[in-house]
Every structure is written in structure tokens, then in C-alpha cells.
């Protein structure tokens, strides 16, 4: 979901790690645990795929609401292109279910927005692999409910997020990392409740 080339830059002949790498390293365990937890959902059968979407919505909805309350659109004018709450709600409606928040998340600071978006935007990378599993499903209803997993395909949302992350000099790294951890924990809690 969040794997990628590490950020290592050179400044005045000295190497230093970028915030992306520190976020990745600080959340690596949470990322592995969440991946293991989500792998228990069988995406090739309707009940498993529906539970996966319900778990994802349980965390995504409150996280995106917290982003909106924190003014994410001021930082990311393309927020409407990034937001996936409507897509996951449409998928769940297609499968005869509703999208509900099942966890609560704290308010976000500006740096918290970056940490939370690190997790949400990174999850798009993992969604590409999950779409392959969904393609193997024998139930055509599953294939008709992939707006969430395919959201943003063909756009450079991850790259534009990384550019913002790299260039935001006002970011408090500790707050960004803590918010990324909270986002992972929200998905873990929602998966537990699905």
C-alpha cells in the first residue's frame, strides 16, 4: 500500500532522510499489521468484499470528515478529486449495504492533514493490487462495485501529494507521524468491527 522508493536528498553534500521515509519507517509495523488484518477478507466472494468495504468505510468516512474540518481543501485545492467517501458509499449501496463511520478520530492540525493523507493516498497504491483480486471474483456484482478501489486511477494524486509533502516546510514531523499512526489505527479498529 505505501511501498515506494525512499526519500533521500542531498543538501550541501550531506544526505538526509525525507519526511516520506520517516513516515514510512514510523508506520511500517502498523502498515504490516493492517495489511495482514485486511488479507482476512476474501474479496472474491460477495460477503467478504462487502465486509472489506464496510471496514474501509468505517475508517475512511471519519478520517475524510476530519480532513474537511481541518481545511484540507486549502492545502489541496484538488481535494474533491481525492475524496473517496462518495465512491465507497456508492459501492456499498450497489452491494445492498450502507457506509457508516465506526470509529472516531481526533481533530487534525495542518501537519496532521499531511500525516493522514499519507495513509489515505498511499492506500490507492494498494488498491491497484486489490482490484486484481476483485477481477477474479465469480460474482459480477463485485466487479460492478469498484469505484472505491479504482478511484483516482490514471491520475497523479500520489505524486502530487508527495510534492506537497516534500515542500511543506511548516510541517511538524512528529504531528504528521502521530496522525499517520492514528489513521492506520482507525482502519485496524474499523476492520475489527466489520
Protein backbone atom coordinates (compact mmCIF):
# COMPACT_ATOMS: atom_id res chain seq x y z
CA UNK A 1 0.00 0.00 0.00
CA UNK A 2 2.68 2.51 0.91
CA UNK A 3 5.80 0.88 -0.51
CA UNK A 4 8.00 3.01 -2.66
CA UNK A 5 11.42 4.40 -3.21
CA UNK A 6 12.80 6.04 -0.09
CA UNK A 7 13.27 9.80 0.01
CA UNK A 8 16.91 10.58 0.34
CA UNK A 9 18.02 14.00 -0.75
CA UNK A 10 21.35 15.73 -0.81
CA UNK A 11 21.84 19.19 0.57
CA UNK A 12 25.28 20.78 0.58
CA UNK A 13 26.86 17.36 0.01
CA UNK A 14 25.12 15.82 3.03
CA UNK A 15 22.41 13.14 2.81
CA UNK A 16 19.32 13.33 4.93
CA UNK A 17 16.08 11.38 5.03
CA UNK A 18 12.88 12.96 3.85
CA UNK A 19 9.61 13.10 5.72
CA UNK A 20 8.19 10.43 3.44
CA UNK A 21 10.83 7.96 4.58
CA UNK A 22 10.34 8.87 8.24
CA UNK A 23 6.58 8.42 7.87
CA UNK A 24 7.10 5.06 6.17
CA UNK A 25 9.55 3.86 8.83
CA UNK A 26 7.45 5.11 11.75
CA UNK A 27 4.31 3.39 10.46
CA UNK A 28 5.85 0.21 8.99
CA UNK A 29 4.59 -2.07 11.77
CA UNK A 30 1.10 -0.60 11.69
CA UNK A 31 1.08 -0.95 7.91
CA UNK A 32 2.08 -4.63 8.07
CA UNK A 33 -0.49 -5.36 10.77
CA UNK A 34 -3.26 -3.67 8.81
CA UNK A 35 -2.32 -5.49 5.61
CA UNK A 36 -2.41 -8.81 7.48
CA UNK A 37 -5.76 -7.94 9.02
CA UNK A 38 -7.30 -6.89 5.70
CA UNK A 39 -6.00 -10.01 3.97
CA UNK A 40 -8.51 -12.00 6.04
CA UNK A 41 -11.31 -10.56 3.88
CA UNK A 42 -11.96 -12.75 0.84
CA UNK A 43 -12.53 -10.18 -1.89
CA UNK A 44 -13.65 -12.82 -4.38
CA UNK A 45 -16.90 -13.58 -2.55
CA UNK A 46 -19.67 -11.04 -2.06
CA UNK A 47 -19.84 -11.27 1.74
CA UNK A 48 -16.07 -10.86 2.12
CA UNK A 49 -15.88 -7.96 -0.29
CA UNK A 50 -18.83 -6.23 1.37
CA UNK A 51 -17.17 -6.63 4.79
CA UNK A 52 -13.92 -5.21 3.38
CA UNK A 53 -15.77 -2.15 2.05
CA UNK A 54 -17.67 -1.73 5.31
CA UNK A 55 -14.42 -1.87 7.28
CA UNK A 56 -12.77 0.60 4.92
CA UNK A 57 -15.73 2.97 5.08
CA UNK A 58 -15.78 2.74 8.88
CA UNK A 59 -12.40 4.49 8.95
CA UNK A 60 -12.42 6.43 5.69
CA UNK A 61 -15.59 8.41 6.46
CA UNK A 62 -14.43 9.87 9.80
CA UNK A 63 -10.88 10.44 8.50
CA UNK A 64 -12.13 12.37 5.48
CA UNK A 65 -14.57 14.31 7.70
CA UNK A 66 -11.65 15.28 9.97
CA UNK A 67 -9.66 16.37 6.91
CA UNK A 68 -12.51 18.57 5.74
CA UNK A 69 -12.89 20.12 9.20
CA UNK A 70 -9.14 20.84 9.23
CA UNK A 71 -9.35 22.72 5.92
CA UNK A 72 -7.77 20.14 3.62
CA UNK A 73 -9.13 21.95 0.54
CA UNK A 74 -6.96 24.99 1.35
CA UNK A 75 -3.86 22.81 1.31
CA UNK A 76 -5.01 20.59 -1.55
CA UNK A 77 -7.26 22.52 -3.95
CA UNK A 78 -7.91 19.21 -5.77
CA UNK A 79 -9.48 17.70 -2.63
CA UNK A 80 -12.73 16.95 -4.50
CA UNK A 81 -10.73 14.67 -6.80
CA UNK A 82 -9.07 12.97 -3.83
CA UNK A 83 -12.08 12.38 -1.57
CA UNK A 84 -13.40 8.81 -1.76
CA UNK A 85 -16.32 8.79 0.70
CA UNK A 86 -18.89 9.07 -2.09
CA UNK A 87 -17.19 6.30 -4.07
CA UNK A 88 -17.21 3.83 -1.19
CA UNK A 89 -20.81 4.73 -0.30
CA UNK A 90 -21.82 4.06 -3.93
CA UNK A 91 -20.07 0.68 -3.90
CA UNK A 92 -21.76 -0.34 -0.67
CA UNK A 93 -25.15 0.80 -1.97
CA UNK A 94 -24.52 -1.28 -5.10
CA UNK A 95 -24.00 -4.27 -2.79
CA UNK A 96 -27.10 -3.55 -0.71
CA UNK A 97 -25.36 -2.03 2.29
CA UNK A 98 -24.70 1.37 3.76
CA UNK A 99 -21.48 3.20 4.56
CA UNK A 100 -21.10 4.07 8.24
CA UNK A 101 -18.41 5.63 10.41
CA UNK A 102 -17.46 3.06 13.03
CA UNK A 103 -14.51 4.81 14.68
CA UNK A 104 -13.82 8.29 15.92
CA UNK A 105 -10.72 10.29 15.13
CA UNK A 106 -9.35 13.42 16.76
CA UNK A 107 -9.31 16.83 15.08
CA UNK A 108 -6.36 17.40 12.78
CA UNK A 109 -3.74 20.11 12.63
CA UNK A 110 -2.15 21.21 9.36
CA UNK A 111 0.63 18.67 9.92
CA UNK A 112 -1.98 16.08 10.87
CA UNK A 113 -3.62 16.58 7.49
CA UNK A 114 -0.35 15.58 5.82
CA UNK A 115 0.08 12.51 8.01
CA UNK A 116 -3.48 11.36 7.45
CA UNK A 117 -3.28 11.94 3.71
CA UNK A 118 -0.03 9.98 3.64
CA UNK A 119 -2.04 6.92 4.68
CA UNK A 120 -5.10 7.61 2.53
CA UNK A 121 -3.19 8.50 -0.63
CA UNK A 122 -0.83 5.59 -0.09
CA UNK A 123 -3.78 3.22 0.13
CA UNK A 124 -4.51 3.97 -3.53
CA UNK A 125 -1.29 2.12 -4.39
CA UNK A 126 -2.54 -0.96 -2.57
CA UNK A 127 -5.95 -0.64 -4.20
CA UNK A 128 -4.37 -1.47 -7.57
CA UNK A 129 -3.42 -4.90 -6.24
CA UNK A 130 -6.79 -5.43 -4.60
CA UNK A 131 -8.51 -4.70 -7.91
CA UNK A 132 -6.68 -7.68 -9.38
CA UNK A 133 -8.15 -9.94 -6.69
CA UNK A 134 -11.61 -8.49 -7.29
CA UNK A 135 -11.23 -9.18 -11.01
CA UNK A 136 -11.01 -12.90 -10.16
CA UNK A 137 -14.37 -12.84 -8.40
CA UNK A 138 -17.01 -15.05 -9.95
CA UNK A 139 -19.84 -12.79 -8.80
CA UNK A 140 -20.38 -9.97 -11.31
CA UNK A 141 -21.86 -7.76 -8.58
CA UNK A 142 -18.39 -7.44 -7.07
CA UNK A 143 -16.89 -6.20 -10.34
CA UNK A 144 -19.65 -3.59 -10.61
CA UNK A 145 -18.76 -2.11 -7.21
CA UNK A 146 -15.17 -0.94 -7.62
CA UNK A 147 -15.50 2.85 -7.56
CA UNK A 148 -13.54 2.98 -4.28
CA UNK A 149 -10.70 0.71 -5.37
CA UNK A 150 -10.36 2.32 -8.79
CA UNK A 151 -10.82 5.90 -7.57
CA UNK A 152 -8.19 8.23 -8.97
CA UNK A 153 -6.76 5.65 -11.39
CA UNK A 154 -4.73 7.29 -14.10
CA UNK A 155 -4.27 10.49 -12.11
CA UNK A 156 -1.05 11.54 -10.44
CA UNK A 157 -2.55 12.01 -6.98
CA UNK A 158 0.22 10.17 -5.12
CA UNK A 159 2.94 12.10 -6.92
CA UNK A 160 1.28 15.47 -6.34
CA UNK A 161 0.78 14.57 -2.67
CA UNK A 162 4.48 13.69 -2.32
CA UNK A 163 5.45 17.00 -3.91
CA UNK A 164 3.35 18.86 -1.33
CA UNK A 165 4.74 16.74 1.50
CA UNK A 166 8.31 17.40 0.42
CA UNK A 167 7.81 21.15 0.02
CA UNK A 168 5.82 21.86 3.20
CA UNK A 169 8.43 23.49 5.42
CA UNK A 170 5.89 24.29 8.15
CA UNK A 171 5.11 20.63 8.78
CA UNK A 172 5.65 19.39 12.33
CA UNK A 173 7.03 15.92 11.62
CA UNK A 174 6.01 14.47 15.00
CA UNK A 175 2.40 15.58 14.46
CA UNK A 176 2.37 14.18 10.93
CA UNK A 177 3.72 10.83 12.12
CA UNK A 178 1.25 10.64 15.01
CA UNK A 179 -1.65 11.41 12.66
CA UNK A 180 -0.49 8.71 10.25
CA UNK A 181 -0.42 6.24 13.14
CA UNK A 182 -3.92 7.32 14.18
CA UNK A 183 -5.14 6.78 10.59
CA UNK A 184 -3.72 3.26 10.49
CA UNK A 185 -5.25 2.54 13.90
CA UNK A 186 -8.64 3.78 12.67
CA UNK A 187 -8.56 1.28 9.80
CA UNK A 188 -7.50 -1.52 12.19
CA UNK A 189 -10.33 -0.69 14.60
CA UNK A 190 -12.87 -0.50 11.77
CA UNK A 191 -11.71 -3.88 10.43
CA UNK A 192 -12.10 -5.38 13.90
CA UNK A 193 -15.71 -4.16 13.98
CA UNK A 194 -16.65 -5.33 10.48
